[in-house]
Amino acid sequence: MRVLGFGDNIVDRFLDRGLDYPGGNCVNVAVFAHRLGAEASYLGVFGDDAAGTLLQEAISAEGVDLSRSVVRAGESGVSTLQVENGERIFLGWNGGGVTVRDPLVLDEGLLSYAAGFDLVHSSVYSRSESELPKLAVSGALVSFDLSSEDEFRTPEYLDRVAPHADLVLLSCSHLDPDETRTLLVDAVARGASIALATRGTDDAIVTDGTVTVSAPTRLVVDTATIVDTMGCGDAFLAGFVVSLLGSGWRHAAPPSREQFAAALEAGADAAYDQCFVEGAFRHAAPSGEPVALSEESAAASMASVQAHG
């Protein structure tokens, strides 16, 4: 199995710990997939600052190949957060830095490289929407994380992304089961082959428009043992896709009900294990210089509070 994370990387700055951790949705999925036995690579843009160095060294130390990524002059993305009762609460970010401001465009060489993977994963934080049509015809399966914000659930946005995605992931901890299923059905109707919803401590749900399967999460009995929940959703996705790929999921071989059920269980196991990990995948360093937060920070912070409230 070969998995490529394409898009965002970021440093997660825990203010209550005074530590910076490497992360980012696409980085995390690649790292977690590798830990689960897949061959994994990451393709994206790193800043040329200390945070960018931390990211590169940590990702490489996890056995994820970076050979086709690039370093560009500019600041790395930094998000600020803190942990309250085991839950990570986002306080803001600097807009994603050069990674988001000047993302990779898939030329013929990079597209050929991406086509060599079984699955390419990207996200709403990667500014990769324009590249999805290229990936969709590359031969690789494409997964895309739609996060939890309403702006990424509008008909216009879903119509832009869903037709080019074999799997979309939506974070739905703030929705009830009926609302979640309605959203998943809409994503499939707009073109996604499979839509998956994680719902915090409630049942996860997946559908391909014909088969719908739900499964409970693995709850931590003693919540005092939770280190933090950073990366749990990414871990769930990695466990889910590695399970499906391992069972034979390909364009010409859509998953069965039994394969979906096994993948949901694998995702729940991976998310459970992630609760006991510092940051996304450790490799902490003392926090760097303060960063200027973007104008989106207040809205992002409010969305985080609502999602975890």
C-alpha atoms as a PDB file:
ATOM      1  CA  MET A   1       0.000   0.000   0.000  1.00  0.00           C
ATOM      2  CA  ARG A   2       1.298   3.446  -0.939  1.00  0.00           C
ATOM      3  CA  VAL A   3      -0.269   6.593   0.549  1.00  0.00           C
ATOM      4  CA  LEU A   4       0.626  10.196  -0.351  1.00  0.00           C
ATOM      5  CA  GLY A   5      -0.271  13.202   1.781  1.00  0.00           C
ATOM      6  CA  PHE A   6      -0.572  16.203  -0.554  1.00  0.00           C
ATOM      7  CA  GLY A   7      -0.971  19.690   0.855  1.00  0.00           C
ATOM      8  CA  ASP A   8      -0.842  21.227   4.292  1.00  0.00           C
ATOM      9  CA  ASN A   9       1.764  21.075   7.012  1.00  0.00           C
ATOM     10  CA  ILE A  10       1.724  23.193  10.148  1.00  0.00           C
ATOM     11  CA  VAL A  11       3.275  23.574  13.571  1.00  0.00           C
ATOM     12  CA  ASP A  12       0.817  23.149  16.442  1.00  0.00           C
ATOM     13  CA  ARG A  13       1.882  25.487  19.255  1.00  0.00           C
ATOM     14  CA  PHE A  14       0.539  24.402  22.650  1.00  0.00           C
ATOM     15  CA  LEU A  15       0.523  27.550  24.778  1.00  0.00           C
ATOM     16  CA  ASP A  16      -0.111  25.626  27.995  1.00  0.00           C
ATOM     17  CA  ARG A  17       2.963  23.465  27.395  1.00  0.00           C
ATOM     18  CA  GLY A  18       5.282  25.965  25.754  1.00  0.00           C
ATOM     19  CA  LEU A  19       5.944  23.400  23.038  1.00  0.00           C
ATOM     20  CA  ASP A  20       5.667  23.224  19.244  1.00  0.00           C
ATOM     21  CA  TYR A  21       4.592  19.980  17.591  1.00  0.00           C
ATOM     22  CA  PRO A  22       4.734  19.058  13.891  1.00  0.00           C
ATOM     23  CA  GLY A  23       1.387  18.412  12.280  1.00  0.00           C
ATOM     24  CA  GLY A  24      -1.078  19.269   9.539  1.00  0.00           C
ATOM     25  CA  ASN A  25      -3.892  17.105   8.187  1.00  0.00           C
ATOM     26  CA  CYS A  26      -2.024  15.766   5.159  1.00  0.00           C
ATOM     27  CA  VAL A  27       1.195  15.220   7.117  1.00  0.00           C
ATOM     28  CA  ASN A  28      -0.641  13.421   9.898  1.00  0.00           C
ATOM     29  CA  VAL A  29      -2.475  11.048   7.570  1.00  0.00           C
ATOM     30  CA  ALA A  30       0.809  10.122   5.864  1.00  0.00           C
ATOM     31  CA  VAL A  31       2.600   9.561   9.195  1.00  0.00           C
ATOM     32  CA  PHE A  32      -0.260   7.542  10.685  1.00  0.00           C
ATOM     33  CA  ALA A  33      -0.648   5.454   7.513  1.00  0.00           C
ATOM     34  CA  HIS A  34       3.054   4.615   7.663  1.00  0.00           C
ATOM     35  CA  ARG A  35       2.743   3.594  11.310  1.00  0.00           C
ATOM     36  CA  LEU A  36      -0.044   1.252  10.243  1.00  0.00           C
ATOM     37  CA  GLY A  37       2.136  -0.449   7.656  1.00  0.00           C
ATOM     38  CA  ALA A  38       1.733   1.600   4.491  1.00  0.00           C
ATOM     39  CA  GLU A  39       4.562   3.077   2.475  1.00  0.00           C
ATOM     40  CA  ALA A  40       3.950   6.803   2.828  1.00  0.00           C
ATOM     41  CA  SER A  41       5.200  10.060   1.356  1.00  0.00           C
ATOM     42  CA  TYR A  42       4.367  13.724   1.799  1.00  0.00           C
ATOM     43  CA  LEU A  43       4.240  16.298  -1.002  1.00  0.00           C
ATOM     44  CA  GLY A  44       4.012  19.969  -0.115  1.00  0.00           C
ATOM     45  CA  VAL A  45       5.754  23.260   0.591  1.00  0.00           C
ATOM     46  CA  PHE A  46       7.849  23.965   3.700  1.00  0.00           C
ATOM     47  CA  GLY A  47       8.816  27.393   4.986  1.00  0.00           C
ATOM     48  CA  ASP A  48      12.525  28.160   5.309  1.00  0.00           C
ATOM     49  CA  ASP A  49      12.285  29.027   9.019  1.00  0.00           C
ATOM     50  CA  ALA A  50      12.956  27.029  12.179  1.00  0.00           C
ATOM     51  CA  ALA A  51       9.389  25.703  12.209  1.00  0.00           C
ATOM     52  CA  GLY A  52       9.874  24.385   8.679  1.00  0.00           C
ATOM     53  CA  THR A  53      13.045  22.623   9.768  1.00  0.00           C
ATOM     54  CA  LEU A  54      11.215  21.046  12.724  1.00  0.00           C
ATOM     55  CA  LEU A  55       8.525  19.775  10.384  1.00  0.00           C
ATOM     56  CA  GLN A  56      10.938  18.274   7.867  1.00  0.00           C
ATOM     57  CA  GLU A  57      13.091  16.575  10.475  1.00  0.00           C
ATOM     58  CA  ALA A  58      10.115  15.136  12.360  1.00  0.00           C
ATOM     59  CA  ILE A  59       8.335  13.829   9.270  1.00  0.00           C
ATOM     60  CA  SER A  60      11.530  12.250   7.940  1.00  0.00           C
ATOM     61  CA  ALA A  61      12.183  10.665  11.340  1.00  0.00           C
ATOM     62  CA  GLU A  62       8.803   8.938  11.014  1.00  0.00           C
ATOM     63  CA  GLY A  63       9.899   7.230   7.806  1.00  0.00           C
ATOM     64  CA  VAL A  64       7.785   9.365   5.480  1.00  0.00           C
ATOM     65  CA  ASP A  65       9.508  10.308   2.228  1.00  0.00           C
ATOM     66  CA  LEU A  66       9.840  14.049   1.472  1.00  0.00           C
ATOM     67  CA  SER A  67      11.978  13.840  -1.642  1.00  0.00           C
ATOM     68  CA  ARG A  68       9.523  15.668  -3.914  1.00  0.00           C
ATOM     69  CA  SER A  69       8.521  18.387  -1.437  1.00  0.00           C
ATOM     70  CA  VAL A  70      10.039  21.871  -1.711  1.00  0.00           C
ATOM     71  CA  VAL A  71      11.260  24.600   0.631  1.00  0.00           C
ATOM     72  CA  ARG A  72      10.274  28.187  -0.166  1.00  0.00           C
ATOM     73  CA  ALA A  73      11.247  31.495   1.373  1.00  0.00           C
ATOM     74  CA  GLY A  74       8.636  32.431   3.933  1.00  0.00           C
ATOM     75  CA  GLU A  75       7.098  31.531   7.253  1.00  0.00           C
ATOM     76  CA  SER A  76       5.642  28.176   8.157  1.00  0.00           C
ATOM     77  CA  GLY A  77       2.054  27.772   9.200  1.00  0.00           C
ATOM     78  CA  VAL A  78       1.556  27.944  12.976  1.00  0.00           C
ATOM     79  CA  SER A  79      -1.648  27.280  14.907  1.00  0.00           C
ATOM     80  CA  THR A  80      -1.985  28.146  18.575  1.00  0.00           C
ATOM     81  CA  LEU A  81      -3.994  26.034  20.962  1.00  0.00           C
ATOM     82  CA  GLN A  82      -4.283  24.722  24.467  1.00  0.00           C
ATOM     83  CA  VAL A  83      -5.656  21.607  26.138  1.00  0.00           C
ATOM     84  CA  GLU A  84      -8.687  21.789  28.422  1.00  0.00           C
ATOM     85  CA  ASN A  85      -9.934  18.564  30.036  1.00  0.00           C
ATOM     86  CA  GLY A  86      -8.105  16.514  27.424  1.00  0.00           C
ATOM     87  CA  GLU A  87      -9.630  18.393  24.465  1.00  0.00           C
ATOM     88  CA  ARG A  88      -7.483  20.615  22.252  1.00  0.00           C
ATOM     89  CA  ILE A  89      -8.976  24.057  21.799  1.00  0.00           C
ATOM     90  CA  PHE A  90      -7.765  26.081  18.812  1.00  0.00           C
ATOM     91  CA  LEU A  91      -7.101  29.728  19.513  1.00  0.00           C
ATOM     92  CA  GLY A  92      -5.988  30.905  16.082  1.00  0.00           C
ATOM     93  CA  TRP A  93      -3.448  30.531  13.295  1.00  0.00           C
ATOM     94  CA  ASN A  94      -1.280  32.652  11.033  1.00  0.00           C
ATOM     95  CA  GLY A  95      -3.091  31.738   7.830  1.00  0.00           C
ATOM     96  CA  GLY A  96      -0.941  28.742   6.980  1.00  0.00           C
ATOM     97  CA  GLY A  97       2.175  30.598   5.880  1.00  0.00           C
ATOM     98  CA  VAL A  98       3.955  29.956   2.604  1.00  0.00           C
ATOM     99  CA  THR A  99       2.541  26.408   2.471  1.00  0.00           C
ATOM    100  CA  VAL A 100      -0.930  27.810   1.783  1.00  0.00           C
ATOM    101  CA  ARG A 101       0.080  31.091   0.162  1.00  0.00           C
ATOM    102  CA  ASP A 102       2.195  29.437  -2.541  1.00  0.00           C
ATOM    103  CA  PRO A 103       1.112  25.754  -2.755  1.00  0.00           C
ATOM    104  CA  LEU A 104       2.440  23.199  -5.190  1.00  0.00           C
ATOM    105  CA  VAL A 105       0.864  22.967  -8.619  1.00  0.00           C
ATOM    106  CA  LEU A 106       0.975  19.493 -10.102  1.00  0.00           C
ATOM    107  CA  ASP A 107       2.998  19.640 -13.306  1.00  0.00           C
ATOM    108  CA  GLU A 108       3.465  16.589 -15.502  1.00  0.00           C
ATOM    109  CA  GLY A 109       6.329  15.262 -13.385  1.00  0.00           C
ATOM    110  CA  LEU A 110       4.564  15.639 -10.041  1.00  0.00           C
ATOM    111  CA  LEU A 111       1.333  14.237 -11.428  1.00  0.00           C
ATOM    112  CA  SER A 112       3.201  11.173 -12.681  1.00  0.00           C
ATOM    113  CA  TYR A 113       4.733  10.835  -9.208  1.00  0.00           C
ATOM    114  CA  ALA A 114       1.325  11.064  -7.500  1.00  0.00           C
ATOM    115  CA  ALA A 115      -0.111   8.497  -9.896  1.00  0.00           C
ATOM    116  CA  GLY A 116       2.277   5.930  -8.447  1.00  0.00           C
ATOM    117  CA  PHE A 117       0.372   5.849  -5.151  1.00  0.00           C
ATOM    118  CA  ASP A 118      -2.692   3.829  -4.276  1.00  0.00           C
ATOM    119  CA  LEU A 119      -4.241   6.818  -2.528  1.00  0.00           C
ATOM    120  CA  VAL A 120      -3.552  10.571  -2.449  1.00  0.00           C
ATOM    121  CA  HIS A 121      -4.982  12.499   0.490  1.00  0.00           C
ATOM    122  CA  SER A 122      -5.572  16.251   0.692  1.00  0.00           C
ATOM    123  CA  SER A 123      -7.718  18.701   2.653  1.00  0.00           C
ATOM    124  CA  VAL A 124      -9.539  22.010   2.786  1.00  0.00           C
ATOM    125  CA  TYR A 125      -6.477  23.524   4.490  1.00  0.00           C
ATOM    126  CA  SER A 126      -4.207  22.781   1.526  1.00  0.00           C
ATOM    127  CA  ARG A 127      -5.614  25.079  -1.169  1.00  0.00           C
ATOM    128  CA  SER A 128      -5.419  22.049  -3.449  1.00  0.00           C
ATOM    129  CA  GLU A 129      -8.937  22.202  -4.887  1.00  0.00           C
ATOM    130  CA  SER A 130      -7.649  23.217  -8.330  1.00  0.00           C
ATOM    131  CA  GLU A 131      -5.439  20.125  -8.454  1.00  0.00           C
ATOM    132  CA  LEU A 132      -8.168  17.583  -7.674  1.00  0.00           C
ATOM    133  CA  PRO A 133      -9.372  17.170 -11.282  1.00  0.00           C
ATOM    134  CA  LYS A 134      -5.804  16.243 -12.268  1.00  0.00           C
ATOM    135  CA  LEU A 135      -5.519  13.711  -9.459  1.00  0.00           C
ATOM    136  CA  ALA A 136      -8.920  12.225 -10.260  1.00  0.00           C
ATOM    137  CA  VAL A 137      -7.697  11.037 -13.664  1.00  0.00           C
ATOM    138  CA  SER A 138      -4.233  10.002 -12.455  1.00  0.00           C
ATOM    139  CA  GLY A 139      -5.238   6.474 -11.497  1.00  0.00           C
ATOM    140  CA  ALA A 140      -4.773   6.947  -7.742  1.00  0.00           C
ATOM    141  CA  LEU A 141      -7.708   7.005  -5.351  1.00  0.00           C
ATOM    142  CA  VAL A 142      -8.303  10.476  -3.889  1.00  0.00           C
ATOM    143  CA  SER A 143      -9.445  11.218  -0.335  1.00  0.00           C
ATOM    144  CA  PHE A 144     -10.259  14.719   0.879  1.00  0.00           C
ATOM    145  CA  ASP A 145     -10.906  16.030   4.387  1.00  0.00           C
ATOM    146  CA  LEU A 146     -13.786  18.510   4.484  1.00  0.00           C
ATOM    147  CA  SER A 147     -13.263  19.337   8.172  1.00  0.00           C
ATOM    148  CA  SER A 148     -16.169  20.765  10.206  1.00  0.00           C
ATOM    149  CA  GLU A 149     -16.679  24.348   9.023  1.00  0.00           C
ATOM    150  CA  ASP A 150     -19.903  25.320   7.273  1.00  0.00           C
ATOM    151  CA  GLU A 151     -18.033  27.082   4.467  1.00  0.00           C
ATOM    152  CA  PHE A 152     -16.835  23.674   3.266  1.00  0.00           C
ATOM    153  CA  ARG A 153     -20.345  22.188   3.186  1.00  0.00           C
ATOM    154  CA  THR A 154     -22.019  24.625   0.828  1.00  0.00           C
ATOM    155  CA  PRO A 155     -23.402  23.252  -2.453  1.00  0.00           C
ATOM    156  CA  GLU A 156     -20.857  25.363  -4.338  1.00  0.00           C
ATOM    157  CA  TYR A 157     -17.880  23.958  -2.444  1.00  0.00           C
ATOM    158  CA  LEU A 158     -19.085  20.360  -2.514  1.00  0.00           C
ATOM    159  CA  ASP A 159     -19.728  20.644  -6.251  1.00  0.00           C
ATOM    160  CA  ARG A 160     -16.145  21.792  -6.667  1.00  0.00           C
ATOM    161  CA  VAL A 161     -14.603  18.941  -4.664  1.00  0.00           C
ATOM    162  CA  ALA A 162     -16.898  15.912  -4.489  1.00  0.00           C
ATOM    163  CA  PRO A 163     -16.851  14.901  -8.177  1.00  0.00           C
ATOM    164  CA  HIS A 164     -13.084  14.402  -7.952  1.00  0.00           C
ATOM    165  CA  ALA A 165     -12.992  12.494  -4.646  1.00  0.00           C
ATOM    166  CA  ASP A 166     -13.240   8.768  -4.041  1.00  0.00           C
ATOM    167  CA  LEU A 167     -13.667   9.461  -0.330  1.00  0.00           C
ATOM    168  CA  VAL A 168     -14.587  12.589   1.595  1.00  0.00           C
ATOM    169  CA  LEU A 169     -14.314  12.873   5.360  1.00  0.00           C
ATOM    170  CA  LEU A 170     -16.570  15.208   7.331  1.00  0.00           C
ATOM    171  CA  SER A 171     -16.240  16.001  11.038  1.00  0.00           C
ATOM    172  CA  CYS A 172     -19.777  15.953  12.426  1.00  0.00           C
ATOM    173  CA  SER A 173     -19.521  15.925  16.212  1.00  0.00           C
ATOM    174  CA  HIS A 174     -21.874  18.928  16.279  1.00  0.00           C
ATOM    175  CA  LEU A 175     -24.586  17.173  14.233  1.00  0.00           C
ATOM    176  CA  ASP A 176     -27.153  14.559  15.205  1.00  0.00           C
ATOM    177  CA  PRO A 177     -27.347  11.244  13.300  1.00  0.00           C
ATOM    178  CA  ASP A 178     -30.093  12.381  10.910  1.00  0.00           C
ATOM    179  CA  GLU A 179     -28.262  15.614  10.066  1.00  0.00           C
ATOM    180  CA  THR A 180     -25.076  13.660   9.543  1.00  0.00           C
ATOM    181  CA  ARG A 181     -26.678  11.155   7.195  1.00  0.00           C
ATOM    182  CA  THR A 182     -28.295  13.967   5.210  1.00  0.00           C
ATOM    183  CA  LEU A 183     -24.896  15.604   4.761  1.00  0.00           C
ATOM    184  CA  LEU A 184     -23.262  12.343   3.708  1.00  0.00           C
ATOM    185  CA  VAL A 185     -25.999  11.594   1.177  1.00  0.00           C
ATOM    186  CA  ASP A 186     -25.598  15.093  -0.256  1.00  0.00           C
ATOM    187  CA  ALA A 187     -21.832  14.651  -0.626  1.00  0.00           C
ATOM    188  CA  VAL A 188     -22.333  11.376  -2.505  1.00  0.00           C
ATOM    189  CA  ALA A 189     -25.101  12.859  -4.650  1.00  0.00           C
ATOM    190  CA  ARG A 190     -22.684  15.628  -5.647  1.00  0.00           C
ATOM    191  CA  GLY A 191     -20.084  13.155  -6.837  1.00  0.00           C
ATOM    192  CA  ALA A 192     -18.101  11.627  -3.982  1.00  0.00           C
ATOM    193  CA  SER A 193     -17.837   7.856  -4.250  1.00  0.00           C
ATOM    194  CA  ILE A 194     -17.770   7.402  -0.454  1.00  0.00           C
ATOM    195  CA  ALA A 195     -18.607   9.816   2.371  1.00  0.00           C
ATOM    196  CA  LEU A 196     -17.378   9.192   5.915  1.00  0.00           C
ATOM    197  CA  ALA A 197     -18.411  11.076   9.055  1.00  0.00           C
ATOM    198  CA  THR A 198     -16.616  11.049  12.379  1.00  0.00           C
ATOM    199  CA  ARG A 199     -18.749  12.236  15.284  1.00  0.00           C
ATOM    200  CA  GLY A 200     -16.459  12.608  18.281  1.00  0.00           C
ATOM    201  CA  THR A 201     -17.479  10.065  20.903  1.00  0.00           C
ATOM    202  CA  ASP A 202     -20.602   9.052  18.933  1.00  0.00           C
ATOM    203  CA  ASP A 203     -20.924   6.480  16.160  1.00  0.00           C
ATOM    204  CA  ALA A 204     -19.011   7.035  12.926  1.00  0.00           C
ATOM    205  CA  ILE A 205     -21.025   6.614   9.717  1.00  0.00           C
ATOM    206  CA  VAL A 206     -19.973   5.777   6.152  1.00  0.00           C
ATOM    207  CA  THR A 207     -22.025   5.494   2.972  1.00  0.00           C
ATOM    208  CA  ASP A 208     -21.497   5.009  -0.748  1.00  0.00           C
ATOM    209  CA  GLY A 209     -25.093   5.948  -1.512  1.00  0.00           C
ATOM    210  CA  THR A 210     -26.225   2.332  -1.499  1.00  0.00           C
ATOM    211  CA  VAL A 211     -24.592   0.793   1.549  1.00  0.00           C
ATOM    212  CA  THR A 212     -24.568   2.684   4.857  1.00  0.00           C
ATOM    213  CA  VAL A 213     -22.693   1.401   7.885  1.00  0.00           C
ATOM    214  CA  SER A 214     -22.246   2.879  11.355  1.00  0.00           C
ATOM    215  CA  ALA A 215     -19.997   1.759  14.189  1.00  0.00           C
ATOM    216  CA  PRO A 216     -19.259   2.977  17.709  1.00  0.00           C
ATOM    217  CA  THR A 217     -16.052   4.726  18.658  1.00  0.00           C
ATOM    218  CA  ARG A 218     -13.713   3.236  21.254  1.00  0.00           C
ATOM    219  CA  LEU A 219     -14.221   5.285  24.384  1.00  0.00           C
ATOM    220  CA  VAL A 220     -11.431   5.905  26.891  1.00  0.00           C
ATOM    221  CA  VAL A 221     -12.804   4.679  30.215  1.00  0.00           C
ATOM    222  CA  ASP A 222     -10.514   6.822  32.350  1.00  0.00           C
ATOM    223  CA  THR A 223     -10.564  10.198  30.621  1.00  0.00           C
ATOM    224  CA  ALA A 224      -7.844  11.422  32.980  1.00  0.00           C
ATOM    225  CA  THR A 225      -5.403   9.294  31.003  1.00  0.00           C
ATOM    226  CA  ILE A 226      -6.073  11.207  27.765  1.00  0.00           C
ATOM    227  CA  VAL A 227      -3.007  13.242  26.821  1.00  0.00           C
ATOM    228  CA  ASP A 228      -4.850  15.287  24.196  1.00  0.00           C
ATOM    229  CA  THR A 229      -7.086  14.671  21.180  1.00  0.00           C
ATOM    230  CA  MET A 230      -4.824  16.278  18.587  1.00  0.00           C
ATOM    231  CA  GLY A 231      -4.825  14.188  15.416  1.00  0.00           C
ATOM    232  CA  CYS A 232      -7.585  11.782  16.434  1.00  0.00           C
ATOM    233  CA  GLY A 233      -9.658  12.483  13.325  1.00  0.00           C
ATOM    234  CA  ASP A 234      -6.603  12.099  11.098  1.00  0.00           C
ATOM    235  CA  ALA A 235      -5.740   8.846  12.855  1.00  0.00           C
ATOM    236  CA  PHE A 236      -9.289   7.581  12.275  1.00  0.00           C
ATOM    237  CA  LEU A 237      -9.023   8.366   8.583  1.00  0.00           C
ATOM    238  CA  ALA A 238      -5.618   6.698   8.280  1.00  0.00           C
ATOM    239  CA  GLY A 239      -6.874   3.555   9.993  1.00  0.00           C
ATOM    240  CA  PHE A 240      -9.957   3.557   7.793  1.00  0.00           C
ATOM    241  CA  VAL A 241      -8.180   3.942   4.441  1.00  0.00           C
ATOM    242  CA  VAL A 242      -5.317   1.557   5.286  1.00  0.00           C
ATOM    243  CA  SER A 243      -7.904  -1.081   6.203  1.00  0.00           C
ATOM    244  CA  LEU A 244      -9.839  -0.545   2.960  1.00  0.00           C
ATOM    245  CA  LEU A 245      -6.696  -0.555   0.815  1.00  0.00           C
ATOM    246  CA  GLY A 246      -5.504  -3.694   2.547  1.00  0.00           C
ATOM    247  CA  SER A 247      -8.805  -5.411   1.788  1.00  0.00           C
ATOM    248  CA  GLY A 248      -8.543  -4.591  -1.910  1.00  0.00           C
ATOM    249  CA  TRP A 249     -10.266  -1.211  -2.358  1.00  0.00           C
ATOM    250  CA  ARG A 250      -9.505   0.156  -5.807  1.00  0.00           C
ATOM    251  CA  HIS A 251     -11.428   2.068  -8.469  1.00  0.00           C
ATOM    252  CA  ALA A 252     -12.684  -1.173  -9.960  1.00  0.00           C
ATOM    253  CA  ALA A 253     -13.315  -2.793  -6.582  1.00  0.00           C
ATOM    254  CA  PRO A 254     -15.574  -0.701  -4.315  1.00  0.00           C
ATOM    255  CA  PRO A 255     -15.762  -1.773  -0.658  1.00  0.00           C
ATOM    256  CA  SER A 256     -18.396  -4.192   0.579  1.00  0.00           C
ATOM    257  CA  ARG A 257     -20.488  -3.737   3.717  1.00  0.00           C
ATOM    258  CA  GLU A 258     -18.113  -6.058   5.563  1.00  0.00           C
ATOM    259  CA  GLN A 259     -15.077  -4.084   4.411  1.00  0.00           C
ATOM    260  CA  PHE A 260     -16.688  -0.828   5.535  1.00  0.00           C
ATOM    261  CA  ALA A 261     -17.441  -2.319   8.953  1.00  0.00           C
ATOM    262  CA  ALA A 262     -13.867  -3.551   9.368  1.00  0.00           C
ATOM    263  CA  ALA A 263     -12.497  -0.173   8.259  1.00  0.00           C
ATOM    264  CA  LEU A 264     -14.669   1.702  10.773  1.00  0.00           C
ATOM    265  CA  GLU A 265     -13.342  -0.561  13.513  1.00  0.00           C
ATOM    266  CA  ALA A 266      -9.754   0.020  12.373  1.00  0.00           C
ATOM    267  CA  GLY A 267     -10.350   3.763  12.342  1.00  0.00           C
ATOM    268  CA  ALA A 268     -11.805   3.678  15.849  1.00  0.00           C
ATOM    269  CA  ASP A 269      -8.797   1.719  17.097  1.00  0.00           C
ATOM    270  CA  ALA A 270      -6.359   4.194  15.572  1.00  0.00           C
ATOM    271  CA  ALA A 271      -8.237   7.194  17.014  1.00  0.00           C
ATOM    272  CA  TYR A 272      -8.314   5.529  20.460  1.00  0.00           C
ATOM    273  CA  ASP A 273      -4.559   4.980  20.431  1.00  0.00           C
ATOM    274  CA  GLN A 274      -4.022   8.595  19.370  1.00  0.00           C
ATOM    275  CA  CYS A 275      -5.608   9.851  22.601  1.00  0.00           C
ATOM    276  CA  PHE A 276      -2.435   8.864  24.455  1.00  0.00           C
ATOM    277  CA  VAL A 277       0.020  10.687  22.172  1.00  0.00           C
ATOM    278  CA  GLU A 278       1.392  14.186  22.739  1.00  0.00           C
ATOM    279  CA  GLY A 279       0.499  16.440  19.827  1.00  0.00           C
ATOM    280  CA  ALA A 280      -0.105  14.719  16.521  1.00  0.00           C
ATOM    281  CA  PHE A 281       2.972  12.469  16.574  1.00  0.00           C
ATOM    282  CA  ARG A 282       5.320  13.832  19.266  1.00  0.00           C
ATOM    283  CA  HIS A 283       8.703  15.352  18.200  1.00  0.00           C
ATOM    284  CA  ALA A 284       8.075  18.466  20.310  1.00  0.00           C
ATOM    285  CA  ALA A 285      10.436  21.439  20.443  1.00  0.00           C
ATOM    286  CA  PRO A 286      10.376  24.548  22.653  1.00  0.00           C
ATOM    287  CA  SER A 287       8.010  27.137  21.220  1.00  0.00           C
ATOM    288  CA  GLY A 288       9.494  29.623  18.803  1.00  0.00           C
ATOM    289  CA  GLU A 289       8.838  33.332  18.419  1.00  0.00           C
ATOM    290  CA  PRO A 290       5.234  34.600  18.665  1.00  0.00           C
ATOM    291  CA  VAL A 291       3.418  34.777  15.326  1.00  0.00           C
ATOM    292  CA  ALA A 292       0.951  37.291  13.967  1.00  0.00           C
ATOM    293  CA  LEU A 293      -2.450  35.646  13.771  1.00  0.00           C
ATOM    294  CA  SER A 294      -4.552  36.010  10.646  1.00  0.00           C
ATOM    295  CA  GLU A 295      -7.911  37.751  10.423  1.00  0.00           C
ATOM    296  CA  GLU A 296      -9.499  34.289  10.271  1.00  0.00           C
ATOM    297  CA  SER A 297      -8.294  33.439  13.787  1.00  0.00           C
ATOM    298  CA  ALA A 298     -11.286  34.781  15.674  1.00  0.00           C
ATOM    299  CA  ALA A 299     -13.688  32.863  13.436  1.00  0.00           C
ATOM    300  CA  ALA A 300     -11.570  29.716  13.666  1.00  0.00           C
ATOM    301  CA  SER A 301     -11.447  29.985  17.437  1.00  0.00           C
ATOM    302  CA  MET A 302     -15.206  30.417  17.669  1.00  0.00           C
ATOM    303  CA  ALA A 303     -15.768  27.424  15.371  1.00  0.00           C
ATOM    304  CA  SER A 304     -13.510  25.335  17.593  1.00  0.00           C
ATOM    305  CA  VAL A 305     -15.377  26.350  20.735  1.00  0.00           C
ATOM    306  CA  GLN A 306     -18.706  25.505  19.082  1.00  0.00           C
ATOM    307  CA  ALA A 307     -17.413  22.153  17.812  1.00  0.00           C
ATOM    308  CA  HIS A 308     -16.171  21.147  21.253  1.00  0.00           C
ATOM    309  CA  GLY A 309     -18.798  22.898  23.303  1.00  0.00           C
END
